[in-house]
Structure formats: C-alpha cells, structure tokens
C-alpha atoms as a PDB file:
ATOM      1  CA  PRO A   1     -35.429-121.221  72.857  1.00  0.00           C
ATOM      2  CA  SER A   2     -38.743-121.272  70.697  1.00  0.00           C
ATOM      3  CA  GLU A   3     -38.880-117.715  69.027  1.00  0.00           C
ATOM      4  CA  PRO A   4     -37.638-116.376  66.982  1.00  0.00           C
ATOM      5  CA  GLY A   5     -38.184-118.865  64.395  1.00  0.00           C
ATOM      6  CA  PRO A   6     -36.990-118.924  60.764  1.00  0.00           C
ATOM      7  CA  GLY A   7     -38.086-116.373  58.612  1.00  0.00           C
ATOM      8  CA  ASP A   8     -38.864-114.239  61.607  1.00  0.00           C
ATOM      9  CA  VAL A   9     -38.446-110.451  60.844  1.00  0.00           C
ATOM     10  CA  TYR A  10     -38.103-107.532  63.461  1.00  0.00           C
ATOM     11  CA  GLN A  11     -37.402-104.096  62.828  1.00  0.00           C
ATOM     12  CA  GLU A  12     -35.074-101.580  64.354  1.00  0.00           C
ATOM     13  CA  GLY A  13     -36.998 -99.577  67.365  1.00  0.00           C
ATOM     14  CA  GLY A  14     -39.976-102.065  67.405  1.00  0.00           C
ATOM     15  CA  ASP A  15     -40.320-105.073  69.490  1.00  0.00           C
ATOM     16  CA  CYS A  16     -37.711-107.935  69.502  1.00  0.00           C
ATOM     17  CA  LYS A  17     -39.583-110.930  71.263  1.00  0.00           C
ATOM     18  CA  ILE A  18     -37.655-113.989  72.657  1.00  0.00           C
ATOM     19  CA  VAL A  19     -39.601-116.964  74.017  1.00  0.00           C
ATOM     20  CA  TRP A  20     -38.116-120.246  75.645  1.00  0.00           C
ATOM     21  CA  GLU A  21     -39.400-122.846  78.214  1.00  0.00           C
ATOM     22  CA  VAL A  22     -39.244-122.718  81.808  1.00  0.00           C
ATOM     23  CA  ASP A  23     -35.901-124.909  83.195  1.00  0.00           C
ATOM     24  CA  ALA A  24     -37.708-127.135  85.671  1.00  0.00           C
ATOM     25  CA  SER A  25     -34.411-128.626  87.144  1.00  0.00           C
ATOM     26  CA  GLY A  26     -33.276-125.378  88.822  1.00  0.00           C
ATOM     27  CA  THR A  27     -30.055-125.180  86.816  1.00  0.00           C
ATOM     28  CA  TRP A  28     -30.654-122.241  84.812  1.00  0.00           C
ATOM     29  CA  LYS A  29     -31.589-119.502  87.655  1.00  0.00           C
ATOM     30  CA  GLU A  30     -29.276-117.478  85.906  1.00  0.00           C
ATOM     31  CA  MET A  31     -29.959-117.114  82.145  1.00  0.00           C
ATOM     32  CA  ASN A  32     -27.806-114.998  79.735  1.00  0.00           C
ATOM     33  CA  ILE A  33     -29.304-114.101  76.431  1.00  0.00           C
ATOM     34  CA  GLU A  34     -27.012-112.723  74.016  1.00  0.00           C
ATOM     35  CA  LEU A  35     -27.614-111.430  70.947  1.00  0.00           C
ATOM     36  CA  MET A  36     -24.863-112.839  68.032  1.00  0.00           C
ATOM     37  CA  SER A  37     -24.153-113.449  64.513  1.00  0.00           C
ATOM     38  CA  GLY A  38     -21.752-115.191  62.749  1.00  0.00           C
ATOM     39  CA  SER A  39     -21.293-118.692  61.073  1.00  0.00           C
ATOM     40  CA  ASN A  40     -22.051-121.943  63.027  1.00  0.00           C
ATOM     41  CA  LEU A  41     -18.175-122.282  64.007  1.00  0.00           C
ATOM     42  CA  GLU A  42     -17.330-118.699  64.559  1.00  0.00           C
ATOM     43  CA  MET A  43     -19.971-116.965  66.447  1.00  0.00           C
ATOM     44  CA  ASN A  44     -19.770-113.089  67.061  1.00  0.00           C
ATOM     45  CA  HIS A  45     -21.114-111.713  70.090  1.00  0.00           C
ATOM     46  CA  ILE A  46     -23.160-108.151  69.892  1.00  0.00           C
ATOM     47  CA  THR A  47     -24.479-107.340  72.883  1.00  0.00           C
ATOM     48  CA  THR A  48     -25.969-109.106  76.131  1.00  0.00           C
ATOM     49  CA  VAL A  49     -29.389-108.739  75.644  1.00  0.00           C
ATOM     50  CA  ALA A  50     -30.657-109.580  79.395  1.00  0.00           C
ATOM     51  CA  THR A  51     -29.741-112.016  82.403  1.00  0.00           C
ATOM     52  CA  ILE A  52     -33.097-113.459  83.435  1.00  0.00           C
ATOM     53  CA  ASP A  53     -34.337-116.431  85.976  1.00  0.00           C
ATOM     54  CA  GLY A  54     -34.880-119.231  83.526  1.00  0.00           C
ATOM     55  CA  THR A  55     -36.519-121.310  86.386  1.00  0.00           C
ATOM     56  CA  ASP A  56     -39.261-118.762  86.857  1.00  0.00           C
ATOM     57  CA  PRO A  57     -42.337-119.954  85.528  1.00  0.00           C
ATOM     58  CA  ALA A  58     -43.509-116.016  85.121  1.00  0.00           C
ATOM     59  CA  LYS A  59     -40.712-115.205  82.954  1.00  0.00           C
ATOM     60  CA  THR A  60     -40.916-117.334  79.670  1.00  0.00           C
ATOM     61  CA  THR A  61     -40.722-114.187  77.142  1.00  0.00           C
ATOM     62  CA  PHE A  62     -38.226-111.419  77.327  1.00  0.00           C
ATOM     63  CA  THR A  63     -39.380-108.254  74.722  1.00  0.00           C
ATOM     64  CA  TYR A  64     -36.820-105.380  74.325  1.00  0.00           C
ATOM     65  CA  PRO A  65     -36.401-102.609  71.598  1.00  0.00           C
ATOM     66  CA  CYS A  66     -34.940-104.033  68.416  1.00  0.00           C
ATOM     67  CA  PRO A  67     -31.402-102.360  68.316  1.00  0.00           C
ATOM     68  CA  GLN A  68     -29.850-100.735  65.299  1.00  0.00           C
ATOM     69  CA  VAL A  69     -27.639-103.156  63.579  1.00  0.00           C
ATOM     70  CA  THR A  70     -25.297-103.307  59.985  1.00  0.00           C
ATOM     71  CA  PRO A  71     -26.265-105.113  58.170  1.00  0.00           C
ATOM     72  CA  ASN A  72     -30.080-105.258  58.074  1.00  0.00           C
ATOM     73  CA  SER A  73     -30.188-108.838  57.176  1.00  0.00           C
ATOM     74  CA  ALA A  74     -31.141-112.521  58.551  1.00  0.00           C
ATOM     75  CA  ILE A  75     -28.052-113.117  60.186  1.00  0.00           C
ATOM     76  CA  TYR A  76     -28.841-112.456  63.813  1.00  0.00           C
ATOM     77  CA  PHE A  77     -29.697-115.423  66.522  1.00  0.00           C
ATOM     78  CA  TYR A  78     -29.790-115.464  70.418  1.00  0.00           C
ATOM     79  CA  GLN A  79     -27.354-117.849  72.229  1.00  0.00           C
ATOM     80  CA  PHE A  80     -28.562-118.905  75.901  1.00  0.00           C
ATOM     81  CA  THR A  81     -26.027-119.636  78.734  1.00  0.00           C
ATOM     82  CA  SER A  82     -25.747-120.093  82.095  1.00  0.00           C
ATOM     83  CA  PRO A  83     -22.640-120.147  84.209  1.00  0.00           C
ATOM     84  CA  ALA A  84     -24.436-123.333  86.267  1.00  0.00           C
ATOM     85  CA  SER A  85     -24.515-125.199  82.802  1.00  0.00           C
ATOM     86  CA  LYS A  86     -22.329-126.381  79.765  1.00  0.00           C
ATOM     87  CA  GLU A  87     -24.883-126.463  77.557  1.00  0.00           C
ATOM     88  CA  THR A  88     -25.299-123.646  74.991  1.00  0.00           C
ATOM     89  CA  TYR A  89     -28.715-123.090  73.381  1.00  0.00           C
ATOM     90  CA  TRP A  90     -29.336-121.158  69.905  1.00  0.00           C
ATOM     91  CA  THR A  91     -32.309-119.790  68.289  1.00  0.00           C
ATOM     92  CA  THR A  92     -32.552-119.967  64.519  1.00  0.00           C
ATOM     93  CA  ARG A  93     -31.271-116.805  62.775  1.00  0.00           C
ATOM     94  CA  PHE A  94     -33.691-114.141  62.088  1.00  0.00           C
ATOM     95  CA  THR A  95     -33.727-110.709  60.486  1.00  0.00           C
ATOM     96  CA  ILE A  96     -33.408-107.333  61.978  1.00  0.00           C
ATOM     97  CA  ALA A  97     -34.900-105.154  59.099  1.00  0.00           C
ATOM     98  CA  ALA A  98     -34.158-101.187  59.244  1.00  0.00           C
ATOM     99  CA  ALA A  99     -36.819 -99.155  60.779  1.00  0.00           C
ATOM    100  CA  ASP A 100     -38.199 -98.579  56.993  1.00  0.00           C
ATOM    101  CA  GLY A 101     -38.469-102.546  56.748  1.00  0.00           C
ATOM    102  CA  ALA A 102     -35.424-102.633  54.093  1.00  0.00           C
ATOM    103  CA  THR A 103     -33.075-105.671  54.418  1.00  0.00           C
ATOM    104  CA  THR A 104     -30.257-106.904  52.349  1.00  0.00           C
ATOM    105  CA  PRO A 105     -28.969-110.732  51.714  1.00  0.00           C
ATOM    106  CA  PRO A 106     -26.732-112.315  53.825  1.00  0.00           C
ATOM    107  CA  ALA A 107     -23.032-112.027  52.946  1.00  0.00           C
ATOM    108  CA  ASN A 108     -22.608-115.846  52.668  1.00  0.00           C
ATOM    109  CA  GLU A 109     -24.772-118.204  51.410  1.00  0.00           C
ATOM    110  CA  GLU A 110     -23.514-121.702  53.254  1.00  0.00           C
ATOM    111  CA  GLN A 111     -21.382-122.509  55.828  1.00  0.00           C
ATOM    112  CA  ALA A 112     -17.493-123.604  55.786  1.00  0.00           C
ATOM    113  CA  ASN A 113     -18.597-127.489  55.554  1.00  0.00           C
ATOM    114  CA  GLY A 114     -21.185-126.557  52.489  1.00  0.00           C
ATOM    115  CA  ASP A 115     -24.496-126.814  54.778  1.00  0.00           C
ATOM    116  CA  LYS A 116     -26.759-124.346  53.120  1.00  0.00           C
ATOM    117  CA  ILE A 117     -27.259-122.035  56.074  1.00  0.00           C
ATOM    118  CA  PRO A 118     -26.751-118.167  55.234  1.00  0.00           C
ATOM    119  CA  TRP A 119     -24.797-116.231  57.689  1.00  0.00           C
ATOM    120  CA  GLY A 120     -22.802-112.856  57.913  1.00  0.00           C
ATOM    121  CA  VAL A 121     -21.369-110.957  60.532  1.00  0.00           C
ATOM    122  CA  GLY A 122     -23.261-108.297  62.220  1.00  0.00           C
ATOM    123  CA  ALA A 123     -22.656-105.333  64.592  1.00  0.00           C
ATOM    124  CA  LEU A 124     -24.462-102.838  66.516  1.00  0.00           C
ATOM    125  CA  GLU A 125     -24.253 -99.494  64.582  1.00  0.00           C
ATOM    126  CA  ASP A 126     -23.084 -97.851  67.643  1.00  0.00           C
ATOM    127  CA  PRO A 127     -20.768-100.212  69.347  1.00  0.00           C
ATOM    128  CA  THR A 128     -20.523 -98.129  72.456  1.00  0.00           C
ATOM    129  CA  LEU A 129     -23.954 -99.421  73.539  1.00  0.00           C
ATOM    130  CA  ALA A 130     -22.758-103.063  73.569  1.00  0.00           C
ATOM    131  CA  THR A 131     -23.161-105.182  76.999  1.00  0.00           C
ATOM    132  CA  PRO A 132     -20.249-107.268  76.967  1.00  0.00           C
ATOM    133  CA  PRO A 133     -20.664-111.091  77.250  1.00  0.00           C
ATOM    134  CA  PRO A 134     -21.377-113.161  80.447  1.00  0.00           C
ATOM    135  CA  PRO A 135     -18.940-115.408  81.779  1.00  0.00           C
ATOM    136  CA  PRO A 136     -18.524-118.421  79.869  1.00  0.00           C
ATOM    137  CA  ALA A 137     -21.239-121.385  79.901  1.00  0.00           C
ATOM    138  CA  GLY A 138     -20.528-123.881  83.005  1.00  0.00           C
ATOM    139  CA  SER A 139     -17.818-121.417  84.651  1.00  0.00           C
ATOM    140  CA  ALA A 140     -19.757-121.643  88.000  1.00  0.00           C
ATOM    141  CA  PRO A 141     -18.177-124.037  90.527  1.00  0.00           C
ATOM    142  CA  GLY A 142     -19.686-127.477  90.150  1.00  0.00           C
ATOM    143  CA  ALA A 143     -21.357-126.710  86.647  1.00  0.00           C
ATOM    144  CA  GLY A 144     -21.838-129.919  85.238  1.00  0.00           C
ATOM    145  CA  GLY A 145     -22.408-130.871  81.312  1.00  0.00           C
ATOM    146  CA  ASN A 146     -25.048-133.586  81.862  1.00  0.00           C
ATOM    147  CA  GLN A 147     -28.044-131.245  83.286  1.00  0.00           C
ATOM    148  CA  THR A 148     -31.291-131.602  81.810  1.00  0.00           C
ATOM    149  CA  VAL A 149     -32.716-128.273  80.419  1.00  0.00           C
ATOM    150  CA  SER A 150     -36.087-128.063  79.674  1.00  0.00           C
ATOM    151  CA  ALA A 151     -35.418-125.088  77.123  1.00  0.00           C
ATOM    152  CA  ASN A 152     -35.669-126.588  73.623  1.00  0.00           C
ATOM    153  CA  SER A 153     -33.333-125.952  70.642  1.00  0.00           C
ATOM    154  CA  THR A 154     -35.411-125.015  67.529  1.00  0.00           C
ATOM    155  CA  SER A 155     -34.121-126.970  64.735  1.00  0.00           C
ATOM    156  CA  SER A 156     -34.529-126.398  60.773  1.00  0.00           C
ATOM    157  CA  SER A 157     -31.925-127.978  58.374  1.00  0.00           C
ATOM    158  CA  SER A 158     -31.637-124.520  56.537  1.00  0.00           C
ATOM    159  CA  THR A 159     -31.312-121.965  59.649  1.00  0.00           C
ATOM    160  CA  SER A 160     -30.927-123.105  62.922  1.00  0.00           C
ATOM    161  CA  LEU A 161     -27.654-124.056  64.915  1.00  0.00           C
ATOM    162  CA  ALA A 162     -27.185-127.162  66.890  1.00  0.00           C
ATOM    163  CA  THR A 163     -27.076-127.456  70.621  1.00  0.00           C
ATOM    164  CA  THR A 164     -23.458-128.481  72.192  1.00  0.00           C
ATOM    165  CA  THR A 165     -22.779-130.460  75.116  1.00  0.00           C
ATOM    166  CA  GLY A 166     -20.227-130.111  77.475  1.00  0.00           C
END
C-alpha cells in the first residue's frame, strides 16, 4: 500500500482514500482491506472496509466515506490480506479527525519495545456498523508464504509497521 501515508488526515464523513500497486502475480485476486488500530504487536480489527481484486490494474484505489470513530487520533492503519497468501501488509498510521477537524494525541507515545511509534486503540462510534474480519491470511488451500506480491509496504521509522512473511 502507498496511501495513506505518514501525516495524512481524513475527516469523518469525508473521503478516505486507499492506494496500492496491482499484484501482477495473480495471487491477490481476493484482497481484503481492514481498518485497524492498536500497537504493532496487538492489532485491533475495527471493520473490514473492502474486498477487492488486487490483480485488476483498473482497481488500485478505493475511496469510501470515513467512518465515525473514537478517538479521533493518529492511530488508524489499514491491513491488507488475502486467503491465498500468508503475506500481510499495512499502511502507516494516519488520522481520522472529527467532522469539524478536531483530533486528540495518541494514547501511547511508544511501542512496548521502546520504538517511538505512537498508537492507541480505536473503535467505530457505532460498533454495530462493523463488518467482521475476513478469513486469516493464507487460509486458502495451497496458500504459500513465499509468493511475490507487488503491493509495497510503506516504511517510516516513526509511523510504519513492518511486513510479515509466513
């Protein structure tokens, strides 16, 4: 994923835009995008935003109305998974501000290991609007951990999460 990036701010009710590179390998035909929060080691699923064909070159962006969340802070990120791949990718953390632009600082200034990556636990203001998480990454029969995926993980020493390989 390439958007959102560090410092990006979206407002509740406005457009939340997600951008990634097409998967030329054909593995990510079913690509799940989840809105997440939490620390690097204890991630919290908020809602599944979309399931998209990640191999379609005409589908490398997705825009949807930003949900009402609590708190309005720089603690949100997207997680990309596919049942056909054990790879997991994340965007950097970004802010979902209140409709009037108001935000609060993240509840935590650093990760458990001391990394200066602020985080917090967010939720939808109305949890009944949440879409459950998709099947786990790599859950499809024959899913391997060594597929090449062209989606890039955005890295930044202060705001990004690392990719994992299965």
